[in-house]
């Protein structure tokens, strides 16, 4: 097979070219109306994304980080409070907790799903029962759902709030035995945060984020926090931030949203094809999807031995890849003050040495996937 052309890790060009006329028309509408902040584009997107997530409210903000931070602040999480999350995630999860004034505590992840371990959470809550833990923040990493029935039950037993970090999970679903139905990511906790960073399954052409919730009081407080604490112009009820989603990004997201289900379906089909192709490849462990999760494969992440060698080999063949995340948060210099050290979260640390993200996007071709898997199967790399 000719490897000269290679395979990109992500294709952000094709979907924009397919929607080019609609996107340009949407941007032109905002420009000619001169309503760049707030207005119909933002309000329309909030209404449509809330419907997509099956929630009562959606508040559009400037980024997924703002969404996490504002949701915590709006719920009253602040100084002296503890939020339990995982070290196997992007730094924004912990940034939001600390910047809200709270303190993060970590629990390890499940080796099969890479998401929050229910057993680790149970053990942590029992051993820290006298501390001021106020919330749990599971991260639906790579677009795969955490075990929300179990996490919610543990949180309820301790009187804790649950905030979903759904920044990689636009459209992911969880089958709740408690409710005997499929639930959308972003509809299960007290509130949830989404990111619309360009590379996400639903991405803007710049920064963007949103808080989803069924709590209308919390939603109204997020609206004030994102807009300098105002409930109307020049009436500042609380101190807030400049964290609004601009109308141009909202207009773009409104055009893309109706295509998200199809794009997610294409990702799931691509994941199934990868799973099939990788069955005959030794030394590569495909991602695990629990029966209660219907993931949207924001990332397709495999586990490989000698990961750095495999990475170099794929790079030589011009095959795109990603590392998510090679340095766990508890070992990052920025979070030394939290007091963790090597060995505290052995599953997370092992995953950080083995995880490799393969090319994944809605328009990926089977021929491209075959090229990726052929490269992975090379005996000199995996023997």
Protein backbone atom coordinates (compact mmCIF):
# COMPACT_ATOMS: atom_id res chain seq x y z
CA UNK A 1 0.00 0.00 0.00
CA UNK A 2 1.25 3.51 -0.81
CA UNK A 3 1.85 5.42 2.41
CA UNK A 4 3.02 8.57 0.70
CA UNK A 5 -0.15 10.55 1.28
CA UNK A 6 -0.55 9.50 4.88
CA UNK A 7 -3.65 9.93 7.05
CA UNK A 8 -4.51 13.12 8.96
CA UNK A 9 -5.38 12.87 12.64
CA UNK A 10 -8.35 15.20 12.11
CA UNK A 11 -10.08 16.74 9.10
CA UNK A 12 -11.66 20.11 9.90
CA UNK A 13 -11.77 21.22 6.27
CA UNK A 14 -14.24 18.82 4.62
CA UNK A 15 -17.30 19.49 6.83
CA UNK A 16 -16.82 23.24 6.49
CA UNK A 17 -16.58 23.00 2.71
CA UNK A 18 -19.76 20.89 2.62
CA UNK A 19 -21.61 23.53 4.65
CA UNK A 20 -19.80 26.52 3.17
CA UNK A 21 -22.82 28.26 1.64
CA UNK A 22 -24.95 27.89 4.78
CA UNK A 23 -22.12 29.00 7.06
CA UNK A 24 -21.39 32.09 4.98
CA UNK A 25 -25.10 32.99 4.90
CA UNK A 26 -25.32 32.60 8.69
CA UNK A 27 -22.27 34.80 9.26
CA UNK A 28 -23.60 37.38 6.80
CA UNK A 29 -26.90 37.53 8.72
CA UNK A 30 -25.06 38.36 11.94
CA UNK A 31 -22.84 40.93 10.22
CA UNK A 32 -25.72 42.72 8.53
CA UNK A 33 -27.72 42.78 11.76
CA UNK A 34 -24.70 44.08 13.74
CA UNK A 35 -25.92 42.00 16.70
CA UNK A 36 -22.56 40.50 17.62
CA UNK A 37 -23.17 39.89 21.33
CA UNK A 38 -26.32 38.08 22.39
CA UNK A 39 -29.39 38.35 20.24
CA UNK A 40 -31.27 35.81 18.08
CA UNK A 41 -28.26 33.70 17.09
CA UNK A 42 -27.19 33.02 20.67
CA UNK A 43 -30.72 32.60 21.99
CA UNK A 44 -31.60 30.27 19.12
CA UNK A 45 -28.55 28.11 19.68
CA UNK A 46 -29.22 27.89 23.41
CA UNK A 47 -32.77 26.74 22.74
CA UNK A 48 -31.72 24.17 20.13
CA UNK A 49 -28.79 22.75 22.09
CA UNK A 50 -30.94 22.39 25.22
CA UNK A 51 -33.41 20.39 23.13
CA UNK A 52 -30.58 18.27 21.73
CA UNK A 53 -29.31 17.53 25.25
CA UNK A 54 -32.82 16.98 26.61
CA UNK A 55 -32.46 19.66 29.26
CA UNK A 56 -34.60 22.64 30.22
CA UNK A 57 -31.81 25.18 29.97
CA UNK A 58 -28.64 25.92 28.05
CA UNK A 59 -26.46 28.95 28.68
CA UNK A 60 -23.85 29.67 26.00
CA UNK A 61 -20.48 30.91 27.24
CA UNK A 62 -17.01 31.67 25.92
CA UNK A 63 -15.41 28.25 26.43
CA UNK A 64 -15.77 24.84 28.01
CA UNK A 65 -13.51 26.02 30.81
CA UNK A 66 -15.86 28.91 31.54
CA UNK A 67 -18.78 26.50 31.44
CA UNK A 68 -17.22 24.29 34.12
CA UNK A 69 -16.16 27.22 36.28
CA UNK A 70 -19.42 29.16 35.99
CA UNK A 71 -21.53 26.07 36.73
CA UNK A 72 -19.62 25.46 39.96
CA UNK A 73 -19.81 29.10 40.98
CA UNK A 74 -23.51 29.33 40.19
CA UNK A 75 -24.16 26.32 42.43
CA UNK A 76 -22.35 27.99 45.31
CA UNK A 77 -19.16 25.93 45.15
CA UNK A 78 -16.29 28.05 46.44
CA UNK A 79 -13.62 28.63 49.07
CA UNK A 80 -13.00 25.63 51.32
CA UNK A 81 -15.14 23.29 49.22
CA UNK A 82 -13.77 20.11 47.68
CA UNK A 83 -14.68 18.72 44.25
CA UNK A 84 -13.68 15.12 43.48
CA UNK A 85 -12.57 14.41 39.91
CA UNK A 86 -9.92 12.42 38.00
CA UNK A 87 -6.32 13.14 36.97
CA UNK A 88 -6.83 11.55 33.55
CA UNK A 89 -8.30 14.60 31.82
CA UNK A 90 -7.36 17.94 30.28
CA UNK A 91 -6.15 20.68 32.63
CA UNK A 92 -9.34 22.71 32.19
CA UNK A 93 -11.20 20.35 34.53
CA UNK A 94 -8.93 21.27 37.42
CA UNK A 95 -8.49 24.90 36.35
CA UNK A 96 -12.24 25.38 36.66
CA UNK A 97 -12.37 23.89 40.15
CA UNK A 98 -9.45 25.95 41.44
CA UNK A 99 -10.58 29.15 39.74
CA UNK A 100 -14.01 28.76 41.32
CA UNK A 101 -12.16 28.89 44.64
CA UNK A 102 -12.55 25.19 45.45
CA UNK A 103 -10.00 22.41 45.87
CA UNK A 104 -9.80 19.35 43.61
CA UNK A 105 -9.25 15.86 44.97
CA UNK A 106 -8.45 13.03 42.59
CA UNK A 107 -9.59 9.43 42.33
CA UNK A 108 -8.16 6.89 39.91
CA UNK A 109 -9.85 5.70 36.74
CA UNK A 110 -11.12 2.36 35.50
CA UNK A 111 -8.54 0.53 33.33
CA UNK A 112 -11.18 -0.57 30.82
CA UNK A 113 -12.98 2.74 30.24
CA UNK A 114 -10.31 5.30 31.28
CA UNK A 115 -13.13 7.08 33.13
CA UNK A 116 -13.78 7.62 36.84
CA UNK A 117 -13.59 4.38 38.80
CA UNK A 118 -16.73 3.86 40.86
CA UNK A 119 -14.81 1.75 43.36
CA UNK A 120 -12.10 4.39 43.71
CA UNK A 121 -14.78 7.04 44.26
CA UNK A 122 -16.55 4.90 46.88
CA UNK A 123 -13.30 4.30 48.76
CA UNK A 124 -12.34 7.97 48.59
CA UNK A 125 -15.67 9.21 49.90
CA UNK A 126 -15.55 6.77 52.81
CA UNK A 127 -12.00 7.68 53.77
CA UNK A 128 -12.61 11.45 53.47
CA UNK A 129 -16.07 11.55 55.05
CA UNK A 130 -15.11 14.28 57.53
CA UNK A 131 -13.90 16.67 54.86
CA UNK A 132 -15.83 19.41 53.12
CA UNK A 133 -16.54 17.53 49.89
CA UNK A 134 -19.38 19.27 48.06
CA UNK A 135 -19.37 17.81 44.56
CA UNK A 136 -18.20 15.09 42.19
CA UNK A 137 -17.11 15.92 38.64
CA UNK A 138 -16.95 12.84 36.38
CA UNK A 139 -15.38 13.41 32.96
CA UNK A 140 -16.94 11.67 29.95
CA UNK A 141 -13.51 11.22 28.41
CA UNK A 142 -13.12 10.66 24.66
CA UNK A 143 -16.93 10.83 24.34
CA UNK A 144 -17.49 7.69 26.43
CA UNK A 145 -19.98 7.94 29.31
CA UNK A 146 -19.04 7.40 32.94
CA UNK A 147 -21.19 5.01 34.99
CA UNK A 148 -23.59 7.74 36.05
CA UNK A 149 -26.13 5.60 37.96
CA UNK A 150 -23.41 4.39 40.31
CA UNK A 151 -21.72 7.79 40.62
CA UNK A 152 -25.02 9.56 41.22
CA UNK A 153 -26.04 7.03 43.86
CA UNK A 154 -22.76 7.50 45.75
CA UNK A 155 -23.12 11.27 45.52
CA UNK A 156 -26.71 11.17 46.78
CA UNK A 157 -25.69 9.03 49.75
CA UNK A 158 -23.20 11.73 50.75
CA UNK A 159 -25.41 14.72 49.86
CA UNK A 160 -23.10 15.81 47.03
CA UNK A 161 -23.82 17.55 43.75
CA UNK A 162 -22.72 15.98 40.45
CA UNK A 163 -21.33 18.12 37.63
CA UNK A 164 -20.69 16.44 34.28
CA UNK A 165 -17.59 17.43 32.38
CA UNK A 166 -19.15 16.66 29.00
CA UNK A 167 -16.68 18.74 27.00
CA UNK A 168 -15.90 15.72 24.78
CA UNK A 169 -19.36 14.13 24.85
CA UNK A 170 -21.76 16.05 22.58
CA UNK A 171 -24.53 13.50 21.97
CA UNK A 172 -23.14 10.64 24.06
CA UNK A 173 -25.82 8.58 25.78
CA UNK A 174 -26.07 6.58 29.01
CA UNK A 175 -28.58 3.83 29.72
CA UNK A 176 -29.89 4.46 33.20
CA UNK A 177 -31.32 1.41 34.93
CA UNK A 178 -32.71 3.77 37.54
CA UNK A 179 -34.87 5.44 34.90
CA UNK A 180 -34.96 2.55 32.40
CA UNK A 181 -34.07 4.76 29.45
CA UNK A 182 -31.19 6.31 27.55
CA UNK A 183 -30.11 9.71 28.87
CA UNK A 184 -28.07 12.30 27.02
CA UNK A 185 -24.73 13.54 28.30
CA UNK A 186 -25.36 16.86 29.97
CA UNK A 187 -28.79 15.91 31.33
CA UNK A 188 -27.85 13.78 34.34
CA UNK A 189 -26.04 15.93 36.90
CA UNK A 190 -26.83 19.20 38.64
CA UNK A 191 -25.30 20.85 35.57
CA UNK A 192 -22.92 19.98 32.76
CA UNK A 193 -20.28 21.73 30.70
CA UNK A 194 -19.62 21.45 26.96
CA UNK A 195 -16.78 22.82 24.88
CA UNK A 196 -17.15 23.91 21.26
CA UNK A 197 -13.43 24.15 20.59
CA UNK A 198 -12.98 23.65 16.81
CA UNK A 199 -11.81 20.03 17.07
CA UNK A 200 -14.80 18.85 19.11
CA UNK A 201 -17.63 16.79 17.58
CA UNK A 202 -19.63 20.01 17.56
CA UNK A 203 -16.99 22.68 17.07
CA UNK A 204 -17.15 26.40 16.50
CA UNK A 205 -14.74 28.37 14.29
CA UNK A 206 -13.13 29.67 17.45
CA UNK A 207 -13.80 29.31 21.17
CA UNK A 208 -17.15 28.43 22.66
CA UNK A 209 -18.89 26.52 25.43
CA UNK A 210 -22.20 25.94 27.18
CA UNK A 211 -23.75 24.97 30.49
CA UNK A 212 -26.77 22.66 30.39
CA UNK A 213 -29.06 22.12 33.37
CA UNK A 214 -32.64 21.55 34.46
CA UNK A 215 -32.15 24.03 37.30
CA UNK A 216 -33.53 27.33 36.03
CA UNK A 217 -32.19 29.25 39.04
CA UNK A 218 -28.67 27.96 38.39
CA UNK A 219 -29.01 28.79 34.69
CA UNK A 220 -30.05 32.36 35.47
CA UNK A 221 -27.06 32.75 37.77
CA UNK A 222 -24.71 31.48 35.04
CA UNK A 223 -26.23 34.09 32.71
CA UNK A 224 -25.29 36.80 35.20
CA UNK A 225 -21.82 35.41 35.87
CA UNK A 226 -20.99 35.31 32.14
CA UNK A 227 -22.10 38.96 31.73
CA UNK A 228 -20.29 40.87 34.48
CA UNK A 229 -22.88 39.91 37.09
CA UNK A 230 -25.67 41.84 35.36
CA UNK A 231 -29.32 40.83 35.30
CA UNK A 232 -29.92 43.80 33.02
CA UNK A 233 -27.61 46.46 31.65
CA UNK A 234 -25.68 48.34 34.34
CA UNK A 235 -27.45 46.42 37.14
CA UNK A 236 -24.67 44.29 38.66
CA UNK A 237 -26.14 42.00 41.30
CA UNK A 238 -22.95 39.98 41.74
CA UNK A 239 -19.37 40.20 40.52
CA UNK A 240 -19.08 38.32 37.26
CA UNK A 241 -16.88 37.71 34.25
CA UNK A 242 -16.77 38.53 30.57
CA UNK A 243 -17.60 35.00 29.41
CA UNK A 244 -20.22 35.31 26.69
CA UNK A 245 -20.41 33.31 23.47
CA UNK A 246 -20.38 35.72 20.53
CA UNK A 247 -23.16 35.65 17.95
CA UNK A 248 -20.90 34.68 15.04
CA UNK A 249 -19.90 31.44 16.78
CA UNK A 250 -23.49 30.76 17.81
CA UNK A 251 -24.65 31.21 14.21
CA UNK A 252 -22.02 28.74 13.00
CA UNK A 253 -22.95 26.21 15.70
CA UNK A 254 -26.64 26.45 14.72
CA UNK A 255 -25.76 25.42 11.16
CA UNK A 256 -23.66 22.49 12.35
CA UNK A 257 -25.96 21.17 15.09
CA UNK A 258 -28.51 19.47 12.77
CA UNK A 259 -25.62 17.45 11.28
CA UNK A 260 -24.20 16.31 14.62
CA UNK A 261 -26.19 13.08 14.89
CA UNK A 262 -25.03 11.97 11.45
CA UNK A 263 -21.43 12.93 12.21
CA UNK A 264 -21.58 11.01 15.49
CA UNK A 265 -23.08 7.99 13.72
CA UNK A 266 -20.21 8.12 11.21
CA UNK A 267 -17.72 8.16 14.07
CA UNK A 268 -19.38 5.14 15.66
CA UNK A 269 -19.25 3.26 12.36
CA UNK A 270 -15.59 4.17 11.99
CA UNK A 271 -14.95 2.91 15.54
CA UNK A 272 -16.66 -0.38 14.71
CA UNK A 273 -14.46 -0.72 11.64
CA UNK A 274 -11.33 -0.02 13.67
CA UNK A 275 -12.47 -2.64 16.23
CA UNK A 276 -12.88 -5.20 13.43
CA UNK A 277 -9.53 -4.42 11.80
CA UNK A 278 -7.64 -4.48 15.10
CA UNK A 279 -8.86 -7.96 16.10
CA UNK A 280 -6.01 -9.53 14.15
CA UNK A 281 -3.35 -7.11 15.41
CA UNK A 282 -1.30 -8.16 18.40
CA UNK A 283 -0.09 -5.66 20.95
CA UNK A 284 -2.96 -3.22 20.45
CA UNK A 285 -5.95 -3.00 22.79
CA UNK A 286 -9.02 -1.35 21.28
CA UNK A 287 -11.20 0.92 23.45
CA UNK A 288 -13.88 -0.67 25.58
CA UNK A 289 -17.49 0.51 25.37
CA UNK A 290 -19.63 -0.63 28.31
CA UNK A 291 -23.16 -1.80 27.61
CA UNK A 292 -24.55 1.28 29.33
CA UNK A 293 -22.62 3.75 27.16
CA UNK A 294 -23.31 4.86 23.63
CA UNK A 295 -20.16 6.85 22.95
CA UNK A 296 -19.59 9.34 20.17
CA UNK A 297 -15.84 8.69 19.78
CA UNK A 298 -14.54 12.20 19.98
CA UNK A 299 -11.29 10.28 20.15
CA UNK A 300 -10.49 6.68 19.27
CA UNK A 301 -7.85 5.75 21.83
CA UNK A 302 -5.97 2.44 21.85
CA UNK A 303 -3.46 1.04 24.31
CA UNK A 304 -0.09 -0.07 22.98
CA UNK A 305 3.11 -1.31 24.52
CA UNK A 306 6.25 0.65 23.65
CA UNK A 307 3.99 3.58 22.81
CA UNK A 308 6.78 6.02 22.01
CA UNK A 309 8.24 3.62 19.44
CA UNK A 310 4.83 3.11 17.86
CA UNK A 311 4.34 6.87 17.75
CA UNK A 312 7.65 7.37 15.95
CA UNK A 313 6.80 4.61 13.48
CA UNK A 314 3.42 6.12 12.59
CA UNK A 315 4.97 9.55 12.26
CA UNK A 316 7.50 8.21 9.75
CA UNK A 317 4.55 6.93 7.67
CA UNK A 318 2.87 10.36 7.86
CA UNK A 319 -0.03 9.02 9.95
CA UNK A 320 -1.51 11.54 12.35
CA UNK A 321 -1.99 10.64 16.00
CA UNK A 322 -2.48 12.26 19.39
CA UNK A 323 -1.48 11.67 23.00
CA UNK A 324 -4.38 12.24 25.42
CA UNK A 325 -2.93 12.72 28.03
CA UNK A 326 0.77 11.83 28.41
CA UNK A 327 1.29 13.61 31.76
CA UNK A 328 -1.52 13.08 34.30
CA UNK A 329 -2.66 16.20 36.10
CA UNK A 330 -1.41 15.07 39.51
CA UNK A 331 2.12 15.00 38.06
CA UNK A 332 1.95 18.36 36.28
CA UNK A 333 4.21 21.11 37.67
CA UNK A 334 1.26 23.51 37.84
CA UNK A 335 -0.43 21.24 40.39
CA UNK A 336 2.51 20.31 42.60
CA UNK A 337 0.84 22.29 45.38
CA UNK A 338 -1.95 19.70 45.55
CA UNK A 339 0.54 17.35 47.16
CA UNK A 340 0.28 14.29 44.95
CA UNK A 341 3.22 12.23 43.73
CA UNK A 342 4.22 9.42 41.39
CA UNK A 343 2.40 6.20 42.23
CA UNK A 344 -0.70 7.79 43.76
CA UNK A 345 -2.91 6.83 40.80
CA UNK A 346 -1.33 3.77 39.19
CA UNK A 347 -4.03 3.10 36.58
CA UNK A 348 -3.93 6.67 35.31
CA UNK A 349 -0.13 6.57 35.21
CA UNK A 350 -0.09 3.31 33.26
CA UNK A 351 -2.64 4.64 30.77
CA UNK A 352 -0.54 7.76 30.28
CA UNK A 353 2.33 5.54 29.13
CA UNK A 354 0.21 3.41 26.77
CA UNK A 355 -2.61 5.47 25.28
CA UNK A 356 -2.46 6.54 21.64
CA UNK A 357 -5.23 8.37 19.78
CA UNK A 358 -5.72 7.20 16.19
CA UNK A 359 -7.15 9.29 13.33
CA UNK A 360 -10.88 9.79 13.89
CA UNK A 361 -13.30 12.16 12.16
CA UNK A 362 -16.74 11.81 10.54
CA UNK A 363 -15.42 11.64 6.98
CA UNK A 364 -12.59 9.17 7.55
CA UNK A 365 -12.47 6.54 4.81
CA UNK A 366 -12.14 2.79 5.35
CA UNK A 367 -9.05 2.85 3.18
CA UNK A 368 -7.47 5.38 5.53
CA UNK A 369 -8.33 3.25 8.54
CA UNK A 370 -6.84 0.18 6.84
CA UNK A 371 -3.65 2.16 6.26
CA UNK A 372 -3.49 3.09 9.95
CA UNK A 373 -4.04 -0.48 11.11
CA UNK A 374 -1.54 -1.87 8.62
CA UNK A 375 1.06 0.47 10.09
CA UNK A 376 0.17 -0.63 13.63
CA UNK A 377 0.50 -4.27 12.61
CA UNK A 378 4.08 -3.83 11.42
CA UNK A 379 6.04 -6.61 13.12
CA UNK A 380 9.13 -4.52 13.72
CA UNK A 381 7.12 -2.11 15.86
CA UNK A 382 4.94 -4.43 17.91
CA UNK A 383 7.06 -7.56 18.33
